[in-house]
Amino acid sequence: MLESGAFAGTPQLDYETWRALVRSEYGDENVSEPNVFAAWRRPLSVCGFIAAATRIECGVTGLGNAYQIGRTQRDVRRAGLEDYRAVFQAAGRSMMNQNDEAVELAAGDVALVDMGRPWTFSGNRSARWLFLQLPRRRLISHLGFEPQGGLRGRGGTLARRLLYEVVKDGVENQASLSAPAGAFMQLAVYDLLGALFAPSDPIPRHTDKLFVRVCGIIRDRFADPELGPCEVAAEAGISLRYLQKLFMARGSTCTHFIHALRLQHAAGLLHRRALLDTGQPLGEIAYACGFHDYSHFARKFRDRFGCLPAAYAAGHGRSAGSLKKPDELS
């Protein structure tokens, strides 16, 4: 993705200049002082995201990995940053530690760092990375869950390979995308990040195969305005009473779960509407998510997210930063 030639014409930075640059952008960070240090940094815009290509060559006495940077809890509080950072390992090897998880990265791997939590990051003598800045609220709103930092997407997965290719193309063809095409590519990046870093077991206590099948029926059909508990029970081949018991045992109801999926889907469509500036009627979004009328949809949406759909679409939703997957059953 980032061959050495990609930094041609980029000025070489000494240690003090590099440290000042890091602090100016990210606030106080603990940077190990190397014996030998040279860095190159190339600002980029990739699919509409702020990005930076970075190359470091250095050596530090006593460190297995030759360069180390980190942020303590105190640094986090002082910096006040909340965004995520996607780290694409283009060459060399790195070690990331966040949330008590130590993750080793090799060329081709992707990692997710929560900039609002303490972390450390180290790389070997000739490492190259691409850092992609991900606005926290938009990412969580689009994914429907709050990803944990310190996650690694290994090179062999389909989502990782697709994401890597999309970002690589964005680096190599920055000026070729129109604004609408760039917006769609940004959504594609969000979707691939969701596929790569989604919880491996979004409903960890659901070990009952029948219940998993019931949830699958609802996920496949929640956009149907006629879908209700009776229809779910009939398709699952069980009685309505038994269906109710399945949900009650998990502290929820079938109706509540259906509404949760519909509202989460609506939040995603509203985010897409705002990002692409499509002007899609809100009533059309309501119907596409399984609601018969807008007033019912608006009331449910406000109860769930703390604001009306119009305010959310305009970017003024008070709860946009705390959206999560339907958690009624977790």
C-alpha atoms as a PDB file:
ATOM      1  CA  MET A   1       0.000   0.000   0.000  1.00  0.00           C
ATOM      2  CA  LEU A   2       2.776   2.417   0.957  1.00  0.00           C
ATOM      3  CA  GLU A   3       6.005   1.619  -0.830  1.00  0.00           C
ATOM      4  CA  SER A   4       9.108   3.561   0.178  1.00  0.00           C
ATOM      5  CA  GLY A   5       8.677   5.681  -2.948  1.00  0.00           C
ATOM      6  CA  ALA A   6       5.347   6.919  -1.615  1.00  0.00           C
ATOM      7  CA  PHE A   7       7.307   9.270   0.671  1.00  0.00           C
ATOM      8  CA  ALA A   8       9.386  10.819  -2.133  1.00  0.00           C
ATOM      9  CA  GLY A   9       9.472  14.563  -1.646  1.00  0.00           C
ATOM     10  CA  THR A  10       8.266  14.282   1.951  1.00  0.00           C
ATOM     11  CA  PRO A  11      10.711  15.999   4.324  1.00  0.00           C
ATOM     12  CA  GLN A  12      12.602  13.867   6.821  1.00  0.00           C
ATOM     13  CA  LEU A  13      11.748  14.670  10.442  1.00  0.00           C
ATOM     14  CA  ASP A  14      14.155  14.444  13.348  1.00  0.00           C
ATOM     15  CA  TYR A  15      13.007  13.238  16.760  1.00  0.00           C
ATOM     16  CA  GLU A  16      12.157  16.632  18.273  1.00  0.00           C
ATOM     17  CA  THR A  17      10.237  17.786  15.191  1.00  0.00           C
ATOM     18  CA  TRP A  18       8.335  14.506  15.110  1.00  0.00           C
ATOM     19  CA  ARG A  19       7.451  14.700  18.791  1.00  0.00           C
ATOM     20  CA  ALA A  20       6.221  18.285  18.428  1.00  0.00           C
ATOM     21  CA  LEU A  21       4.085  17.261  15.455  1.00  0.00           C
ATOM     22  CA  VAL A  22       2.544  14.359  17.380  1.00  0.00           C
ATOM     23  CA  ARG A  23       1.735  16.601  20.337  1.00  0.00           C
ATOM     24  CA  SER A  24       0.232  19.315  18.154  1.00  0.00           C
ATOM     25  CA  GLU A  25      -2.199  16.832  16.616  1.00  0.00           C
ATOM     26  CA  TYR A  26      -2.946  14.401  19.429  1.00  0.00           C
ATOM     27  CA  GLY A  27      -1.931  16.147  22.648  1.00  0.00           C
ATOM     28  CA  ASP A  28       0.522  14.796  25.200  1.00  0.00           C
ATOM     29  CA  GLU A  29       1.867  11.334  24.484  1.00  0.00           C
ATOM     30  CA  ASN A  30       4.743   9.353  25.937  1.00  0.00           C
ATOM     31  CA  VAL A  31       7.335   8.892  23.217  1.00  0.00           C
ATOM     32  CA  SER A  32      10.432   6.772  23.796  1.00  0.00           C
ATOM     33  CA  GLU A  33      13.585   8.674  22.884  1.00  0.00           C
ATOM     34  CA  PRO A  34      15.578   6.633  20.357  1.00  0.00           C
ATOM     35  CA  ASN A  35      19.292   6.550  19.759  1.00  0.00           C
ATOM     36  CA  VAL A  36      18.743   6.876  16.021  1.00  0.00           C
ATOM     37  CA  PHE A  37      15.564   8.357  14.566  1.00  0.00           C
ATOM     38  CA  ALA A  38      14.185   9.422  11.203  1.00  0.00           C
ATOM     39  CA  ALA A  39      10.508   9.778  10.257  1.00  0.00           C
ATOM     40  CA  TRP A  40       8.432  10.758   7.265  1.00  0.00           C
ATOM     41  CA  ARG A  41       4.775  11.746   7.372  1.00  0.00           C
ATOM     42  CA  ARG A  42       2.493  12.353   4.406  1.00  0.00           C
ATOM     43  CA  PRO A  43      -0.984  13.840   5.114  1.00  0.00           C
ATOM     44  CA  LEU A  44      -3.727  12.281   2.980  1.00  0.00           C
ATOM     45  CA  SER A  45      -7.447  12.273   2.396  1.00  0.00           C
ATOM     46  CA  VAL A  46      -8.748   8.745   1.836  1.00  0.00           C
ATOM     47  CA  CYS A  47     -12.414   8.284   0.888  1.00  0.00           C
ATOM     48  CA  GLY A  48     -13.195  11.531   2.674  1.00  0.00           C
ATOM     49  CA  PHE A  49     -11.370  10.526   5.881  1.00  0.00           C
ATOM     50  CA  ILE A  50      -8.399  12.413   7.314  1.00  0.00           C
ATOM     51  CA  ALA A  51      -5.416  10.097   6.980  1.00  0.00           C
ATOM     52  CA  ALA A  52      -1.653  10.058   7.239  1.00  0.00           C
ATOM     53  CA  ALA A  53       1.015   7.768   5.835  1.00  0.00           C
ATOM     54  CA  THR A  54       3.900   7.290   8.256  1.00  0.00           C
ATOM     55  CA  ARG A  55       7.360   5.755   7.970  1.00  0.00           C
ATOM     56  CA  ILE A  56       9.767   5.480  10.891  1.00  0.00           C
ATOM     57  CA  GLU A  57      13.358   4.266  11.039  1.00  0.00           C
ATOM     58  CA  CYS A  58      14.881   4.238  14.477  1.00  0.00           C
ATOM     59  CA  GLY A  59      16.590   2.305  17.237  1.00  0.00           C
ATOM     60  CA  VAL A  60      16.052   2.365  21.000  1.00  0.00           C
ATOM     61  CA  THR A  61      18.384   0.698  23.480  1.00  0.00           C
ATOM     62  CA  GLY A  62      16.707  -2.104  25.431  1.00  0.00           C
ATOM     63  CA  LEU A  63      13.503  -2.314  23.381  1.00  0.00           C
ATOM     64  CA  GLY A  64      12.655  -5.393  21.362  1.00  0.00           C
ATOM     65  CA  ASN A  65      10.531  -3.099  19.211  1.00  0.00           C
ATOM     66  CA  ALA A  66      12.557  -0.060  18.266  1.00  0.00           C
ATOM     67  CA  TYR A  67      10.007   2.732  18.642  1.00  0.00           C
ATOM     68  CA  GLN A  68       7.302   3.233  21.244  1.00  0.00           C
ATOM     69  CA  ILE A  69       4.558   5.791  21.720  1.00  0.00           C
ATOM     70  CA  GLY A  70       1.699   5.770  24.201  1.00  0.00           C
ATOM     71  CA  ARG A  71      -0.946   7.655  26.114  1.00  0.00           C
ATOM     72  CA  THR A  72      -1.794   7.344  29.796  1.00  0.00           C
ATOM     73  CA  GLN A  73      -5.170   7.968  31.367  1.00  0.00           C
ATOM     74  CA  ARG A  74      -3.950  11.420  32.341  1.00  0.00           C
ATOM     75  CA  ASP A  75      -2.870  12.112  28.752  1.00  0.00           C
ATOM     76  CA  VAL A  76      -6.295  11.005  27.533  1.00  0.00           C
ATOM     77  CA  ARG A  77      -8.089  13.388  29.887  1.00  0.00           C
ATOM     78  CA  ARG A  78      -5.875  16.307  28.884  1.00  0.00           C
ATOM     79  CA  ALA A  79      -6.106  15.675  25.146  1.00  0.00           C
ATOM     80  CA  GLY A  80      -9.882  15.216  25.108  1.00  0.00           C
ATOM     81  CA  LEU A  81      -9.822  13.125  21.912  1.00  0.00           C
ATOM     82  CA  GLU A  82     -12.659  10.679  21.312  1.00  0.00           C
ATOM     83  CA  ASP A  83     -12.185   9.474  17.749  1.00  0.00           C
ATOM     84  CA  TYR A  84     -11.024   6.056  16.633  1.00  0.00           C
ATOM     85  CA  ARG A  85      -7.952   5.393  14.536  1.00  0.00           C
ATOM     86  CA  ALA A  86      -7.704   2.567  12.020  1.00  0.00           C
ATOM     87  CA  VAL A  87      -4.084   1.437  11.684  1.00  0.00           C
ATOM     88  CA  PHE A  88      -3.067  -0.295   8.451  1.00  0.00           C
ATOM     89  CA  GLN A  89       0.302  -2.048   8.787  1.00  0.00           C
ATOM     90  CA  ALA A  90       1.919  -1.586   5.380  1.00  0.00           C
ATOM     91  CA  ALA A  91       5.379  -2.943   6.229  1.00  0.00           C
ATOM     92  CA  GLY A  92       7.370  -4.191   9.203  1.00  0.00           C
ATOM     93  CA  ARG A  93       5.825  -5.301  12.490  1.00  0.00           C
ATOM     94  CA  SER A  94       4.165  -3.490  15.392  1.00  0.00           C
ATOM     95  CA  MET A  95       2.802  -4.168  18.849  1.00  0.00           C
ATOM     96  CA  MET A  96      -0.337  -2.476  20.143  1.00  0.00           C
ATOM     97  CA  ASN A  97      -1.672  -2.640  23.694  1.00  0.00           C
ATOM     98  CA  GLN A  98      -5.096  -1.354  24.698  1.00  0.00           C
ATOM     99  CA  ASN A  99      -7.758  -2.586  27.110  1.00  0.00           C
ATOM    100  CA  ASP A 100      -5.200  -5.035  28.528  1.00  0.00           C
ATOM    101  CA  GLU A 101      -4.922  -6.717  25.144  1.00  0.00           C
ATOM    102  CA  ALA A 102      -1.488  -7.002  23.488  1.00  0.00           C
ATOM    103  CA  VAL A 103      -1.870  -7.314  19.715  1.00  0.00           C
ATOM    104  CA  GLU A 104       0.974  -7.963  17.298  1.00  0.00           C
ATOM    105  CA  LEU A 105       0.556  -6.580  13.777  1.00  0.00           C
ATOM    106  CA  ALA A 106       2.255  -7.829  10.641  1.00  0.00           C
ATOM    107  CA  ALA A 107       2.130  -6.382   7.130  1.00  0.00           C
ATOM    108  CA  GLY A 108      -1.444  -6.610   5.858  1.00  0.00           C
ATOM    109  CA  ASP A 109      -3.109  -6.454   9.284  1.00  0.00           C
ATOM    110  CA  VAL A 110      -5.540  -3.741  10.388  1.00  0.00           C
ATOM    111  CA  ALA A 111      -6.041  -2.574  13.965  1.00  0.00           C
ATOM    112  CA  LEU A 112      -8.561  -0.318  15.658  1.00  0.00           C
ATOM    113  CA  VAL A 113      -7.428   2.104  18.365  1.00  0.00           C
ATOM    114  CA  ASP A 114      -9.851   3.968  20.637  1.00  0.00           C
ATOM    115  CA  MET A 115      -8.165   7.353  21.056  1.00  0.00           C
ATOM    116  CA  GLY A 116     -10.348   8.035  24.095  1.00  0.00           C
ATOM    117  CA  ARG A 117      -8.635   5.298  26.117  1.00  0.00           C
ATOM    118  CA  PRO A 118      -5.008   4.682  27.184  1.00  0.00           C
ATOM    119  CA  TRP A 119      -2.844   2.787  24.702  1.00  0.00           C
ATOM    120  CA  THR A 120       0.715   2.041  23.696  1.00  0.00           C
ATOM    121  CA  PHE A 121       2.056   1.367  20.239  1.00  0.00           C
ATOM    122  CA  SER A 122       5.524   0.286  19.134  1.00  0.00           C
ATOM    123  CA  GLY A 123       7.088  -0.574  15.802  1.00  0.00           C
ATOM    124  CA  ASN A 124      10.275  -2.158  14.543  1.00  0.00           C
ATOM    125  CA  ARG A 125      13.136  -0.453  12.781  1.00  0.00           C
ATOM    126  CA  SER A 126      11.549   0.076   9.342  1.00  0.00           C
ATOM    127  CA  ALA A 127       7.804   0.097   9.893  1.00  0.00           C
ATOM    128  CA  ARG A 128       5.272   1.822   7.643  1.00  0.00           C
ATOM    129  CA  TRP A 129       1.643   2.547   8.484  1.00  0.00           C
ATOM    130  CA  LEU A 130      -1.441   4.298   7.228  1.00  0.00           C
ATOM    131  CA  PHE A 131      -3.535   5.914   9.963  1.00  0.00           C
ATOM    132  CA  LEU A 132      -7.190   6.614   9.203  1.00  0.00           C
ATOM    133  CA  GLN A 133      -9.099   8.973  11.516  1.00  0.00           C
ATOM    134  CA  LEU A 134     -12.657   7.773  12.203  1.00  0.00           C
ATOM    135  CA  PRO A 135     -15.098  10.232  13.809  1.00  0.00           C
ATOM    136  CA  ARG A 136     -16.449   8.463  16.873  1.00  0.00           C
ATOM    137  CA  ARG A 137     -20.104   9.424  16.621  1.00  0.00           C
ATOM    138  CA  ARG A 138     -20.401   8.680  12.934  1.00  0.00           C
ATOM    139  CA  LEU A 139     -18.671   5.320  13.280  1.00  0.00           C
ATOM    140  CA  ILE A 140     -20.805   4.156  16.214  1.00  0.00           C
ATOM    141  CA  SER A 141     -23.969   5.493  14.601  1.00  0.00           C
ATOM    142  CA  HIS A 142     -23.275   3.647  11.358  1.00  0.00           C
ATOM    143  CA  LEU A 143     -22.152   0.360  12.895  1.00  0.00           C
ATOM    144  CA  GLY A 144     -24.886   0.248  15.516  1.00  0.00           C
ATOM    145  CA  PHE A 145     -22.433  -0.814  18.225  1.00  0.00           C
ATOM    146  CA  GLU A 146     -19.486   0.705  20.043  1.00  0.00           C
ATOM    147  CA  PRO A 147     -16.320  -1.158  19.034  1.00  0.00           C
ATOM    148  CA  GLN A 148     -13.634  -1.768  21.621  1.00  0.00           C
ATOM    149  CA  GLY A 149     -10.135  -0.486  20.941  1.00  0.00           C
ATOM    150  CA  GLY A 150      -7.221  -2.889  20.755  1.00  0.00           C
ATOM    151  CA  LEU A 151      -8.808  -5.046  18.061  1.00  0.00           C
ATOM    152  CA  ARG A 152      -6.931  -6.629  15.181  1.00  0.00           C
ATOM    153  CA  GLY A 153      -8.263  -7.695  11.805  1.00  0.00           C
ATOM    154  CA  ARG A 154      -5.962 -10.369  10.431  1.00  0.00           C
ATOM    155  CA  GLY A 155      -4.824 -10.269   6.842  1.00  0.00           C
ATOM    156  CA  GLY A 156      -6.566 -13.462   5.758  1.00  0.00           C
ATOM    157  CA  THR A 157     -10.201 -12.435   6.268  1.00  0.00           C
ATOM    158  CA  LEU A 158     -12.363 -11.348   3.345  1.00  0.00           C
ATOM    159  CA  ALA A 159     -13.442  -8.125   5.075  1.00  0.00           C
ATOM    160  CA  ARG A 160      -9.801  -7.227   5.786  1.00  0.00           C
ATOM    161  CA  ARG A 161      -8.735  -7.862   2.194  1.00  0.00           C
ATOM    162  CA  LEU A 162     -11.592  -5.780   0.790  1.00  0.00           C
ATOM    163  CA  LEU A 163     -10.987  -2.948   3.253  1.00  0.00           C
ATOM    164  CA  TYR A 164      -7.282  -2.932   2.458  1.00  0.00           C
ATOM    165  CA  GLU A 165      -7.978  -2.718  -1.268  1.00  0.00           C
ATOM    166  CA  VAL A 166     -10.526   0.094  -0.847  1.00  0.00           C
ATOM    167  CA  VAL A 167      -8.112   2.153   1.254  1.00  0.00           C
ATOM    168  CA  LYS A 168      -5.184   1.367  -1.044  1.00  0.00           C
ATOM    169  CA  ASP A 169      -7.170   2.596  -4.025  1.00  0.00           C
ATOM    170  CA  GLY A 170      -8.130   5.693  -2.052  1.00  0.00           C
ATOM    171  CA  VAL A 171      -4.458   6.431  -1.380  1.00  0.00           C
ATOM    172  CA  GLU A 172      -3.432   5.934  -5.007  1.00  0.00           C
ATOM    173  CA  ASN A 173      -6.374   7.772  -6.614  1.00  0.00           C
ATOM    174  CA  GLN A 174      -7.157  10.627  -4.250  1.00  0.00           C
ATOM    175  CA  ALA A 175      -8.268  13.119  -6.887  1.00  0.00           C
ATOM    176  CA  SER A 176     -10.326  10.775  -9.061  1.00  0.00           C
ATOM    177  CA  LEU A 177     -13.502  10.480  -6.941  1.00  0.00           C
ATOM    178  CA  SER A 178     -16.452  12.842  -7.276  1.00  0.00           C
ATOM    179  CA  ALA A 179     -18.045  14.034  -4.048  1.00  0.00           C
ATOM    180  CA  PRO A 180     -21.045  11.642  -4.286  1.00  0.00           C
ATOM    181  CA  ALA A 181     -18.781   8.690  -5.135  1.00  0.00           C
ATOM    182  CA  GLY A 182     -16.491   9.597  -2.246  1.00  0.00           C
ATOM    183  CA  ALA A 183     -19.447   9.604   0.143  1.00  0.00           C
ATOM    184  CA  PHE A 184     -20.450   6.112  -0.978  1.00  0.00           C
ATOM    185  CA  MET A 185     -16.875   4.896  -0.556  1.00  0.00           C
ATOM    186  CA  GLN A 186     -16.864   6.321   2.965  1.00  0.00           C
ATOM    187  CA  LEU A 187     -19.946   4.255   3.740  1.00  0.00           C
ATOM    188  CA  ALA A 188     -18.217   1.203   2.281  1.00  0.00           C
ATOM    189  CA  VAL A 189     -15.288   1.745   4.644  1.00  0.00           C
ATOM    190  CA  TYR A 190     -17.665   1.951   7.612  1.00  0.00           C
ATOM    191  CA  ASP A 191     -19.432  -1.250   6.519  1.00  0.00           C
ATOM    192  CA  LEU A 192     -16.171  -3.164   6.098  1.00  0.00           C
ATOM    193  CA  LEU A 193     -14.958  -1.973   9.495  1.00  0.00           C
ATOM    194  CA  GLY A 194     -18.213  -3.263  10.945  1.00  0.00           C
ATOM    195  CA  ALA A 195     -17.718  -6.647   9.288  1.00  0.00           C
ATOM    196  CA  LEU A 196     -14.131  -6.771  10.513  1.00  0.00           C
ATOM    197  CA  PHE A 197     -14.598  -5.627  14.101  1.00  0.00           C
ATOM    198  CA  ALA A 198     -18.170  -6.649  14.953  1.00  0.00           C
ATOM    199  CA  PRO A 199     -18.474  -8.662  18.175  1.00  0.00           C
ATOM    200  CA  SER A 200     -17.941 -12.321  17.336  1.00  0.00           C
ATOM    201  CA  ASP A 201     -21.006 -13.235  19.402  1.00  0.00           C
ATOM    202  CA  PRO A 202     -23.433 -10.293  19.447  1.00  0.00           C
ATOM    203  CA  ILE A 203     -25.913 -12.263  21.560  1.00  0.00           C
ATOM    204  CA  PRO A 204     -23.541 -14.333  23.739  1.00  0.00           C
ATOM    205  CA  ARG A 205     -26.174 -15.827  26.038  1.00  0.00           C
ATOM    206  CA  HIS A 206     -28.340 -17.089  23.211  1.00  0.00           C
ATOM    207  CA  THR A 207     -27.202 -20.675  23.146  1.00  0.00           C
ATOM    208  CA  ASP A 208     -30.634 -22.084  22.393  1.00  0.00           C
ATOM    209  CA  LYS A 209     -30.736 -23.002  18.689  1.00  0.00           C
ATOM    210  CA  LEU A 210     -34.458 -22.356  18.420  1.00  0.00           C
ATOM    211  CA  PHE A 211     -34.092 -18.870  19.833  1.00  0.00           C
ATOM    212  CA  VAL A 212     -31.230 -18.107  17.451  1.00  0.00           C
ATOM    213  CA  ARG A 213     -33.479 -19.236  14.581  1.00  0.00           C
ATOM    214  CA  VAL A 214     -36.300 -17.016  15.844  1.00  0.00           C
ATOM    215  CA  CYS A 215     -33.959 -14.023  15.973  1.00  0.00           C
ATOM    216  CA  GLY A 216     -32.847 -14.821  12.428  1.00  0.00           C
ATOM    217  CA  ILE A 217     -36.455 -14.774  11.229  1.00  0.00           C
ATOM    218  CA  ILE A 218     -36.954 -11.352  12.788  1.00  0.00           C
ATOM    219  CA  ARG A 219     -33.696  -9.971  11.362  1.00  0.00           C
ATOM    220  CA  ASP A 220     -34.701 -11.130   7.889  1.00  0.00           C
ATOM    221  CA  ARG A 221     -38.226  -9.696   8.046  1.00  0.00           C
ATOM    222  CA  PHE A 222     -38.261  -6.755  10.481  1.00  0.00           C
ATOM    223  CA  ALA A 223     -38.814  -4.276   7.615  1.00  0.00           C
ATOM    224  CA  ASP A 224     -42.169  -5.916   6.863  1.00  0.00           C
ATOM    225  CA  PRO A 225     -44.832  -3.695   8.507  1.00  0.00           C
ATOM    226  CA  GLU A 226     -47.040  -6.737   8.974  1.00  0.00           C
ATOM    227  CA  LEU A 227     -44.477  -8.661  11.005  1.00  0.00           C
ATOM    228  CA  GLY A 228     -45.465  -9.205  14.619  1.00  0.00           C
ATOM    229  CA  PRO A 229     -45.153 -11.907  17.273  1.00  0.00           C
ATOM    230  CA  CYS A 230     -47.902 -14.013  15.715  1.00  0.00           C
ATOM    231  CA  GLU A 231     -46.210 -14.038  12.320  1.00  0.00           C
ATOM    232  CA  VAL A 232     -42.837 -14.853  13.893  1.00  0.00           C
ATOM    233  CA  ALA A 233     -44.308 -17.746  15.884  1.00  0.00           C
ATOM    234  CA  ALA A 234     -46.046 -19.129  12.803  1.00  0.00           C
ATOM    235  CA  GLU A 235     -42.895 -19.036  10.685  1.00  0.00           C
ATOM    236  CA  ALA A 236     -40.858 -20.629  13.485  1.00  0.00           C
ATOM    237  CA  GLY A 237     -43.457 -23.366  13.869  1.00  0.00           C
ATOM    238  CA  ILE A 238     -44.090 -22.714  17.573  1.00  0.00           C
ATOM    239  CA  SER A 239     -46.969 -21.341  19.602  1.00  0.00           C
ATOM    240  CA  LEU A 240     -47.244 -17.663  20.440  1.00  0.00           C
ATOM    241  CA  ARG A 241     -47.088 -18.520  24.138  1.00  0.00           C
ATOM    242  CA  TYR A 242     -43.838 -20.448  23.700  1.00  0.00           C
ATOM    243  CA  LEU A 243     -42.378 -17.576  21.680  1.00  0.00           C
ATOM    244  CA  GLN A 244     -43.209 -15.191  24.508  1.00  0.00           C
ATOM    245  CA  LYS A 245     -41.517 -17.504  27.024  1.00  0.00           C
ATOM    246  CA  LEU A 246     -38.346 -17.577  24.927  1.00  0.00           C
ATOM    247  CA  PHE A 247     -38.082 -13.797  25.105  1.00  0.00           C
ATOM    248  CA  MET A 248     -39.220 -13.468  28.703  1.00  0.00           C
ATOM    249  CA  ALA A 249     -36.445 -15.835  29.785  1.00  0.00           C
ATOM    250  CA  ARG A 250     -34.027 -13.278  28.363  1.00  0.00           C
ATOM    251  CA  GLY A 251     -35.675 -10.242  29.906  1.00  0.00           C
ATOM    252  CA  SER A 252     -37.368  -8.914  26.792  1.00  0.00           C
ATOM    253  CA  THR A 253     -40.329  -9.329  24.461  1.00  0.00           C
ATOM    254  CA  CYS A 254     -40.615 -10.192  20.804  1.00  0.00           C
ATOM    255  CA  THR A 255     -42.283  -6.839  20.054  1.00  0.00           C
ATOM    256  CA  HIS A 256     -39.495  -4.945  21.781  1.00  0.00           C
ATOM    257  CA  PHE A 257     -36.848  -6.779  19.782  1.00  0.00           C
ATOM    258  CA  ILE A 258     -38.637  -6.095  16.488  1.00  0.00           C
ATOM    259  CA  HIS A 259     -38.849  -2.383  17.297  1.00  0.00           C
ATOM    260  CA  ALA A 260     -35.200  -2.279  18.347  1.00  0.00           C
ATOM    261  CA  LEU A 261     -34.098  -3.675  14.977  1.00  0.00           C
ATOM    262  CA  ARG A 262     -36.378  -1.312  13.069  1.00  0.00           C
ATOM    263  CA  LEU A 263     -35.111   1.750  14.949  1.00  0.00           C
ATOM    264  CA  GLN A 264     -31.473   0.759  14.580  1.00  0.00           C
ATOM    265  CA  HIS A 265     -31.993   0.334  10.847  1.00  0.00           C
ATOM    266  CA  ALA A 266     -33.706   3.729  10.747  1.00  0.00           C
ATOM    267  CA  ALA A 267     -30.721   5.346  12.473  1.00  0.00           C
ATOM    268  CA  GLY A 268     -28.447   3.902   9.806  1.00  0.00           C
ATOM    269  CA  LEU A 269     -30.669   5.186   6.977  1.00  0.00           C
ATOM    270  CA  LEU A 270     -30.833   8.645   8.562  1.00  0.00           C
ATOM    271  CA  HIS A 271     -27.061   8.684   8.831  1.00  0.00           C
ATOM    272  CA  ARG A 272     -26.785   7.734   5.168  1.00  0.00           C
ATOM    273  CA  ARG A 273     -29.344  10.421   4.256  1.00  0.00           C
ATOM    274  CA  ALA A 274     -27.312  13.088   6.055  1.00  0.00           C
ATOM    275  CA  LEU A 275     -23.956  11.923   4.702  1.00  0.00           C
ATOM    276  CA  LEU A 276     -25.112  11.699   1.075  1.00  0.00           C
ATOM    277  CA  ASP A 277     -27.555  14.627   1.314  1.00  0.00           C
ATOM    278  CA  THR A 278     -30.184  12.608  -0.554  1.00  0.00           C
ATOM    279  CA  GLY A 279     -33.222  14.424   0.834  1.00  0.00           C
ATOM    280  CA  GLN A 280     -35.019  11.101   1.193  1.00  0.00           C
ATOM    281  CA  PRO A 281     -38.413  11.785   2.824  1.00  0.00           C
ATOM    282  CA  LEU A 282     -38.499  10.772   6.474  1.00  0.00           C
ATOM    283  CA  GLY A 283     -41.855   9.082   5.953  1.00  0.00           C
ATOM    284  CA  GLU A 284     -40.269   6.881   3.286  1.00  0.00           C
ATOM    285  CA  ILE A 285     -37.532   5.888   5.740  1.00  0.00           C
ATOM    286  CA  ALA A 286     -40.159   5.076   8.367  1.00  0.00           C
ATOM    287  CA  TYR A 287     -42.008   2.762   5.986  1.00  0.00           C
ATOM    288  CA  ALA A 288     -38.761   1.126   4.797  1.00  0.00           C
ATOM    289  CA  CYS A 289     -38.054   0.207   8.418  1.00  0.00           C
ATOM    290  CA  GLY A 290     -41.417  -1.434   9.020  1.00  0.00           C
ATOM    291  CA  PHE A 291     -43.534   1.394  10.466  1.00  0.00           C
ATOM    292  CA  HIS A 292     -47.057   2.016   9.179  1.00  0.00           C
ATOM    293  CA  ASP A 293     -47.045   5.749   9.849  1.00  0.00           C
ATOM    294  CA  TYR A 294     -44.539   8.490  10.572  1.00  0.00           C
ATOM    295  CA  SER A 295     -46.011   9.691  13.866  1.00  0.00           C
ATOM    296  CA  HIS A 296     -45.629   6.241  15.430  1.00  0.00           C
ATOM    297  CA  PHE A 297     -42.095   5.986  14.057  1.00  0.00           C
ATOM    298  CA  ALA A 298     -41.144   9.453  15.355  1.00  0.00           C
ATOM    299  CA  ARG A 299     -42.448   8.672  18.837  1.00  0.00           C
ATOM    300  CA  LYS A 300     -40.580   5.382  19.043  1.00  0.00           C
ATOM    301  CA  PHE A 301     -37.425   6.939  17.650  1.00  0.00           C
ATOM    302  CA  ARG A 302     -37.472   9.730  20.233  1.00  0.00           C
ATOM    303  CA  ASP A 303     -38.024   7.234  23.042  1.00  0.00           C
ATOM    304  CA  ARG A 304     -35.019   5.194  21.852  1.00  0.00           C
ATOM    305  CA  PHE A 305     -32.516   7.884  20.843  1.00  0.00           C
ATOM    306  CA  GLY A 306     -33.654  10.991  22.713  1.00  0.00           C
ATOM    307  CA  CYS A 307     -34.455  13.117  19.654  1.00  0.00           C
ATOM    308  CA  LEU A 308     -36.819  13.187  16.686  1.00  0.00           C
ATOM    309  CA  PRO A 309     -35.704  11.711  13.357  1.00  0.00           C
ATOM    310  CA  ALA A 310     -35.468  15.142  11.727  1.00  0.00           C
ATOM    311  CA  ALA A 311     -33.074  16.386  14.424  1.00  0.00           C
ATOM    312  CA  TYR A 312     -31.016  13.220  14.179  1.00  0.00           C
ATOM    313  CA  ALA A 313     -30.795  13.553  10.400  1.00  0.00           C
ATOM    314  CA  ALA A 314     -29.642  17.148  10.781  1.00  0.00           C
ATOM    315  CA  GLY A 315     -26.795  16.015  13.003  1.00  0.00           C
ATOM    316  CA  HIS A 316     -28.252  17.335  16.264  1.00  0.00           C
ATOM    317  CA  GLY A 317     -29.195  13.997  17.832  1.00  0.00           C
ATOM    318  CA  ARG A 318     -28.278  14.123  21.490  1.00  0.00           C
ATOM    319  CA  SER A 319     -27.674  10.367  21.654  1.00  0.00           C
ATOM    320  CA  ALA A 320     -25.866   9.858  18.360  1.00  0.00           C
ATOM    321  CA  GLY A 321     -22.626   9.064  20.132  1.00  0.00           C
ATOM    322  CA  SER A 322     -24.056   6.281  22.247  1.00  0.00           C
ATOM    323  CA  LEU A 323     -25.861   4.149  19.700  1.00  0.00           C
ATOM    324  CA  LYS A 324     -25.457   0.447  20.211  1.00  0.00           C
ATOM    325  CA  LYS A 325     -26.818  -2.685  18.700  1.00  0.00           C
ATOM    326  CA  PRO A 326     -30.190  -3.740  20.057  1.00  0.00           C
ATOM    327  CA  ASP A 327     -29.080  -4.775  23.516  1.00  0.00           C
ATOM    328  CA  GLU A 328     -32.359  -5.816  24.954  1.00  0.00           C
ATOM    329  CA  LEU A 329     -31.378  -9.492  24.734  1.00  0.00           C
ATOM    330  CA  SER A 330     -27.693  -9.315  25.657  1.00  0.00           C
END
